[in-house]
């Protein structure tokens, strides 16, 4: 190990933790959890450590001086659980994890995405409260979670699922895809030279639907005029994500292009079909 880095490490370890921080941690440990309603702040050990480091630096100038000289190896862009809400009341329940993006250099973009996630969670909780009001019968279940589906040195794709059950179930999946190196939120439109991608991708999806139904009689997609709302074309901002091997995947919510039992449906678009339409090969190859 580099002698200078070792020296800084030892210098940091030798800094005494002030009593104020001990009091903060002790109070947090002594708090009794409330029944039924659970609000959980970030559970990642790395995030917890970061919080303690922040408290230590804010309280002790010596620690701040020591840590300021430790070289930054590289930024880590990832999704963390910002807050989790669990509650049950009058035969209704809610279990919502709110993701938050962490590590972007573009804090305006990071905050904008996190505010969007928080706004969605507030709306879900509002629906839960309304379902348990005196003039409502309840029986509403709301569940929301998230998953990092792509995490490479260049790209981060996060899926947030929202499921509502009240007599019947309805599931939505929403994705965001970030260029981590350039701090850019990618849109479907931004991947292509012009809007011709809409027609080309839509046609390919129709072909995939027909092939799937031919191979599996249990699969049904709404394609013909006999269907109530047949699939015609994707939206310019259709939900999508990019896989770790740089393939474009188009996603549809439950009931959007097929019966509910088909769930959320996805279609991987062959790059050969859209290669001439792409602005470049940085994201999709």
Protein backbone atom coordinates (compact mmCIF):
# COMPACT_ATOMS: atom_id res chain seq x y z
CA UNK A 1 0.00 0.00 0.00
CA UNK A 2 1.18 3.53 -0.79
CA UNK A 3 2.91 5.00 2.29
CA UNK A 4 1.02 8.30 2.00
CA UNK A 5 -2.36 6.54 1.85
CA UNK A 6 -1.37 4.36 4.80
CA UNK A 7 -0.38 7.46 6.76
CA UNK A 8 -3.71 9.14 6.04
CA UNK A 9 -5.54 5.97 7.02
CA UNK A 10 -3.74 5.79 10.36
CA UNK A 11 -4.30 9.50 10.92
CA UNK A 12 -8.03 9.05 10.36
CA UNK A 13 -8.19 6.01 12.67
CA UNK A 14 -6.45 7.95 15.43
CA UNK A 15 -9.11 10.68 15.49
CA UNK A 16 -11.20 10.34 18.64
CA UNK A 17 -14.94 10.01 18.17
CA UNK A 18 -16.55 12.90 20.08
CA UNK A 19 -19.15 12.29 22.79
CA UNK A 20 -21.78 14.14 20.74
CA UNK A 21 -21.70 11.38 18.13
CA UNK A 22 -21.97 8.69 20.79
CA UNK A 23 -25.12 10.42 22.07
CA UNK A 24 -26.64 10.58 18.57
CA UNK A 25 -26.02 6.88 17.95
CA UNK A 26 -27.21 5.88 21.43
CA UNK A 27 -30.49 7.77 21.02
CA UNK A 28 -31.08 6.12 17.65
CA UNK A 29 -30.53 2.67 19.13
CA UNK A 30 -32.86 3.34 22.07
CA UNK A 31 -35.82 4.42 19.94
CA UNK A 32 -38.64 1.88 20.06
CA UNK A 33 -40.24 1.00 16.73
CA UNK A 34 -43.90 1.93 16.33
CA UNK A 35 -46.41 -0.82 15.79
CA UNK A 36 -47.76 -1.45 12.30
CA UNK A 37 -46.23 1.65 10.75
CA UNK A 38 -42.59 1.22 9.86
CA UNK A 39 -40.46 3.94 8.32
CA UNK A 40 -37.03 2.61 7.43
CA UNK A 41 -34.19 4.84 6.33
CA UNK A 42 -31.34 3.52 4.16
CA UNK A 43 -30.33 0.04 5.29
CA UNK A 44 -27.14 -0.36 3.30
CA UNK A 45 -24.07 -0.69 5.50
CA UNK A 46 -22.22 1.65 3.17
CA UNK A 47 -24.91 4.32 3.51
CA UNK A 48 -25.00 3.91 7.29
CA UNK A 49 -21.24 4.34 7.38
CA UNK A 50 -21.52 7.43 5.21
CA UNK A 51 -24.04 8.93 7.64
CA UNK A 52 -21.72 8.29 10.58
CA UNK A 53 -18.78 9.74 8.67
CA UNK A 54 -20.83 12.85 7.87
CA UNK A 55 -21.80 13.28 11.51
CA UNK A 56 -18.20 12.80 12.59
CA UNK A 57 -16.90 15.36 10.10
CA UNK A 58 -19.55 17.91 11.04
CA UNK A 59 -18.76 17.56 14.74
CA UNK A 60 -14.99 17.15 14.73
CA UNK A 61 -12.79 19.51 12.62
CA UNK A 62 -9.78 17.21 13.06
CA UNK A 63 -11.66 14.36 11.40
CA UNK A 64 -12.72 16.63 8.56
CA UNK A 65 -9.13 17.70 7.97
CA UNK A 66 -7.88 14.11 7.93
CA UNK A 67 -10.62 12.85 5.60
CA UNK A 68 -10.26 15.77 3.19
CA UNK A 69 -6.79 14.52 2.26
CA UNK A 70 -7.90 10.96 1.40
CA UNK A 71 -7.91 10.61 -2.42
CA UNK A 72 -11.23 9.79 -4.13
CA UNK A 73 -10.80 6.61 -6.18
CA UNK A 74 -13.99 7.07 -8.21
CA UNK A 75 -17.66 7.89 -7.88
CA UNK A 76 -20.20 5.14 -7.29
CA UNK A 77 -23.61 5.73 -8.86
CA UNK A 78 -26.30 3.42 -7.49
CA UNK A 79 -29.85 3.13 -6.19
CA UNK A 80 -30.53 2.93 -2.46
CA UNK A 81 -33.69 2.62 -0.38
CA UNK A 82 -34.43 6.16 0.74
CA UNK A 83 -37.45 5.27 2.84
CA UNK A 84 -39.80 2.31 3.35
CA UNK A 85 -43.39 2.62 4.51
CA UNK A 86 -45.39 -0.31 5.87
CA UNK A 87 -48.84 -0.02 7.37
CA UNK A 88 -52.02 -2.05 7.78
CA UNK A 89 -55.42 -0.61 8.59
CA UNK A 90 -59.05 -1.63 8.06
CA UNK A 91 -58.18 -4.56 5.77
CA UNK A 92 -55.96 -2.34 3.63
CA UNK A 93 -52.18 -2.47 3.51
CA UNK A 94 -49.27 -0.60 2.01
CA UNK A 95 -45.65 -1.69 1.58
CA UNK A 96 -43.68 0.85 -0.43
CA UNK A 97 -39.93 1.15 -0.86
CA UNK A 98 -38.85 4.52 -2.23
CA UNK A 99 -35.61 4.34 -4.21
CA UNK A 100 -33.13 7.17 -4.41
CA UNK A 101 -30.28 7.71 -6.81
CA UNK A 102 -26.90 8.33 -5.21
CA UNK A 103 -23.51 9.32 -6.58
CA UNK A 104 -24.27 11.47 -9.63
CA UNK A 105 -22.09 14.53 -10.12
CA UNK A 106 -25.10 16.31 -11.59
CA UNK A 107 -26.97 16.92 -8.33
CA UNK A 108 -29.78 18.76 -10.10
CA UNK A 109 -30.56 15.63 -12.13
CA UNK A 110 -30.13 13.38 -9.09
CA UNK A 111 -32.48 15.50 -6.97
CA UNK A 112 -35.04 15.71 -9.77
CA UNK A 113 -35.19 11.91 -10.10
CA UNK A 114 -35.37 11.43 -6.33
CA UNK A 115 -38.15 14.00 -5.98
CA UNK A 116 -40.08 12.14 -8.67
CA UNK A 117 -39.75 8.87 -6.74
CA UNK A 118 -40.78 10.58 -3.51
CA UNK A 119 -43.80 12.20 -5.17
CA UNK A 120 -44.94 8.79 -6.46
CA UNK A 121 -44.66 7.30 -2.97
CA UNK A 122 -46.60 10.18 -1.41
CA UNK A 123 -49.38 9.64 -3.94
CA UNK A 124 -49.50 5.92 -3.15
CA UNK A 125 -49.74 6.66 0.57
CA UNK A 126 -52.49 9.19 -0.10
CA UNK A 127 -54.47 6.50 -1.94
CA UNK A 128 -53.97 4.14 0.99
CA UNK A 129 -55.23 6.73 3.50
CA UNK A 130 -58.25 7.48 1.33
CA UNK A 131 -59.11 3.77 1.17
CA UNK A 132 -59.21 3.60 4.97
CA UNK A 133 -61.35 6.70 5.52
CA UNK A 134 -64.76 6.35 7.19
CA UNK A 135 -66.74 6.33 3.95
CA UNK A 136 -64.52 3.73 2.27
CA UNK A 137 -64.58 -0.06 2.59
CA UNK A 138 -60.84 -0.56 2.36
CA UNK A 139 -59.57 -3.85 0.89
CA UNK A 140 -56.79 -2.08 -1.00
CA UNK A 141 -53.29 -3.49 -1.16
CA UNK A 142 -50.43 -1.35 -2.47
CA UNK A 143 -46.97 -2.78 -2.99
CA UNK A 144 -43.96 -1.11 -4.56
CA UNK A 145 -40.36 -2.21 -4.86
CA UNK A 146 -37.42 -1.53 -7.14
CA UNK A 147 -34.53 -3.39 -8.71
CA UNK A 148 -31.31 -2.45 -10.45
CA UNK A 149 -31.58 -4.35 -13.74
CA UNK A 150 -28.43 -2.98 -15.38
CA UNK A 151 -25.27 -1.79 -13.67
CA UNK A 152 -22.16 -1.38 -15.82
CA UNK A 153 -19.33 1.17 -15.74
CA UNK A 154 -21.37 3.20 -18.26
CA UNK A 155 -25.04 2.50 -17.57
CA UNK A 156 -27.48 2.19 -14.69
CA UNK A 157 -31.07 1.03 -15.29
CA UNK A 158 -33.53 0.93 -12.40
CA UNK A 159 -36.99 -0.62 -12.50
CA UNK A 160 -39.69 0.46 -10.08
CA UNK A 161 -42.73 -1.82 -9.81
CA UNK A 162 -46.07 -0.62 -8.45
CA UNK A 163 -48.81 -3.16 -7.80
CA UNK A 164 -52.32 -2.27 -6.67
CA UNK A 165 -54.85 -4.91 -5.70
CA UNK A 166 -58.52 -4.13 -5.09
CA UNK A 167 -60.81 -6.87 -6.39
CA UNK A 168 -58.33 -7.24 -9.26
CA UNK A 169 -54.61 -6.59 -9.57
CA UNK A 170 -52.79 -4.04 -11.71
CA UNK A 171 -49.02 -3.77 -12.10
CA UNK A 172 -46.89 -1.00 -13.57
CA UNK A 173 -43.16 -1.06 -14.22
CA UNK A 174 -41.22 2.15 -14.72
CA UNK A 175 -37.57 2.36 -15.78
CA UNK A 176 -34.92 5.03 -15.76
CA UNK A 177 -31.61 4.60 -17.55
CA UNK A 178 -28.63 6.77 -16.66
CA UNK A 179 -25.36 7.37 -18.47
CA UNK A 180 -23.20 7.27 -15.33
CA UNK A 181 -20.07 8.72 -16.90
CA UNK A 182 -21.79 11.76 -18.41
CA UNK A 183 -24.64 12.18 -15.89
CA UNK A 184 -27.35 11.96 -18.56
CA UNK A 185 -30.88 10.63 -18.20
CA UNK A 186 -31.53 8.71 -21.40
CA UNK A 187 -34.85 8.88 -23.22
CA UNK A 188 -35.99 6.55 -25.97
CA UNK A 189 -36.05 9.43 -28.43
CA UNK A 190 -32.47 10.43 -27.58
CA UNK A 191 -31.16 7.09 -28.85
CA UNK A 192 -32.31 7.69 -32.43
CA UNK A 193 -31.67 10.10 -35.30
CA UNK A 194 -35.35 10.80 -35.95
CA UNK A 195 -38.84 9.50 -35.17
CA UNK A 196 -38.71 6.67 -37.71
CA UNK A 197 -37.79 4.35 -34.81
CA UNK A 198 -41.43 4.39 -33.66
CA UNK A 199 -42.72 2.62 -36.77
CA UNK A 200 -39.77 0.23 -37.07
CA UNK A 201 -39.85 -0.90 -33.42
CA UNK A 202 -43.65 -1.20 -33.45
CA UNK A 203 -43.53 -3.46 -36.49
CA UNK A 204 -40.88 -5.67 -34.92
CA UNK A 205 -42.90 -5.99 -31.71
CA UNK A 206 -45.98 -7.04 -33.71
CA UNK A 207 -43.90 -9.72 -35.42
CA UNK A 208 -42.63 -10.97 -32.06
CA UNK A 209 -46.19 -11.04 -30.68
CA UNK A 210 -47.44 -13.10 -33.62
CA UNK A 211 -44.52 -15.51 -33.34
CA UNK A 212 -45.04 -15.98 -29.60
CA UNK A 213 -48.77 -16.68 -30.06
CA UNK A 214 -47.96 -19.16 -32.82
CA UNK A 215 -45.51 -21.03 -30.59
CA UNK A 216 -47.62 -20.85 -27.42
CA UNK A 217 -51.45 -20.90 -27.63
CA UNK A 218 -51.64 -19.66 -24.02
CA UNK A 219 -50.16 -16.32 -25.01
CA UNK A 220 -52.51 -13.63 -26.23
CA UNK A 221 -51.75 -10.15 -27.49
CA UNK A 222 -54.28 -7.59 -28.68
CA UNK A 223 -53.44 -7.13 -32.35
CA UNK A 224 -56.62 -7.37 -34.40
CA UNK A 225 -59.47 -4.91 -34.88
CA UNK A 226 -61.70 -7.40 -33.08
CA UNK A 227 -59.85 -6.57 -29.86
CA UNK A 228 -61.13 -3.64 -27.81
CA UNK A 229 -57.84 -1.72 -27.95
CA UNK A 230 -55.47 -3.40 -30.42
CA UNK A 231 -51.80 -2.53 -30.28
CA UNK A 232 -50.92 -0.16 -33.11
CA UNK A 233 -47.70 1.59 -32.18
CA UNK A 234 -45.38 2.35 -29.30
CA UNK A 235 -45.37 5.80 -27.75
CA UNK A 236 -42.45 8.12 -28.54
CA UNK A 237 -41.51 7.87 -24.86
CA UNK A 238 -42.46 4.22 -24.39
CA UNK A 239 -41.04 2.59 -21.26
CA UNK A 240 -37.67 0.98 -22.00
CA UNK A 241 -34.34 -0.05 -20.57
CA UNK A 242 -30.95 -1.15 -21.87
CA UNK A 243 -29.48 -4.48 -20.83
CA UNK A 244 -25.92 -5.09 -19.67
CA UNK A 245 -25.09 -6.43 -23.13
CA UNK A 246 -26.39 -3.17 -24.68
CA UNK A 247 -29.71 -4.44 -26.05
CA UNK A 248 -32.85 -2.30 -26.14
CA UNK A 249 -35.90 -3.68 -24.32
CA UNK A 250 -39.38 -2.18 -24.69
CA UNK A 251 -41.80 -2.69 -21.78
CA UNK A 252 -45.61 -2.56 -21.54
CA UNK A 253 -47.70 -2.36 -18.38
CA UNK A 254 -50.19 -5.04 -17.44
CA UNK A 255 -53.33 -4.74 -19.64
CA UNK A 256 -51.55 -2.36 -22.03
CA UNK A 257 -51.16 -4.79 -24.95
CA UNK A 258 -52.41 -8.08 -23.52
CA UNK A 259 -54.83 -9.60 -20.98
CA UNK A 260 -53.98 -9.18 -17.31
CA UNK A 261 -52.76 -12.75 -16.83
CA UNK A 262 -49.87 -11.97 -19.21
CA UNK A 263 -48.56 -9.46 -16.67
CA UNK A 264 -45.96 -6.84 -17.61
CA UNK A 265 -44.67 -7.73 -21.08
CA UNK A 266 -41.25 -6.98 -22.55
CA UNK A 267 -39.71 -7.25 -25.99
CA UNK A 268 -35.99 -7.24 -26.76
CA UNK A 269 -35.45 -5.44 -30.05
CA UNK A 270 -32.77 -6.97 -32.31
CA UNK A 271 -30.06 -4.38 -32.85
CA UNK A 272 -29.87 -5.35 -36.52
CA UNK A 273 -33.41 -4.00 -36.94
CA UNK A 274 -32.61 -0.54 -35.57
CA UNK A 275 -28.85 -0.13 -36.12
CA UNK A 276 -29.23 2.29 -39.04
CA UNK A 277 -31.56 4.48 -36.96
CA UNK A 278 -29.33 4.83 -33.90
CA UNK A 279 -27.34 8.00 -33.27
CA UNK A 280 -24.37 5.83 -32.29
CA UNK A 281 -23.25 2.59 -30.69
CA UNK A 282 -22.42 3.91 -27.23
CA UNK A 283 -25.63 2.62 -25.62
CA UNK A 284 -27.24 0.09 -27.98
CA UNK A 285 -25.13 -2.33 -30.01
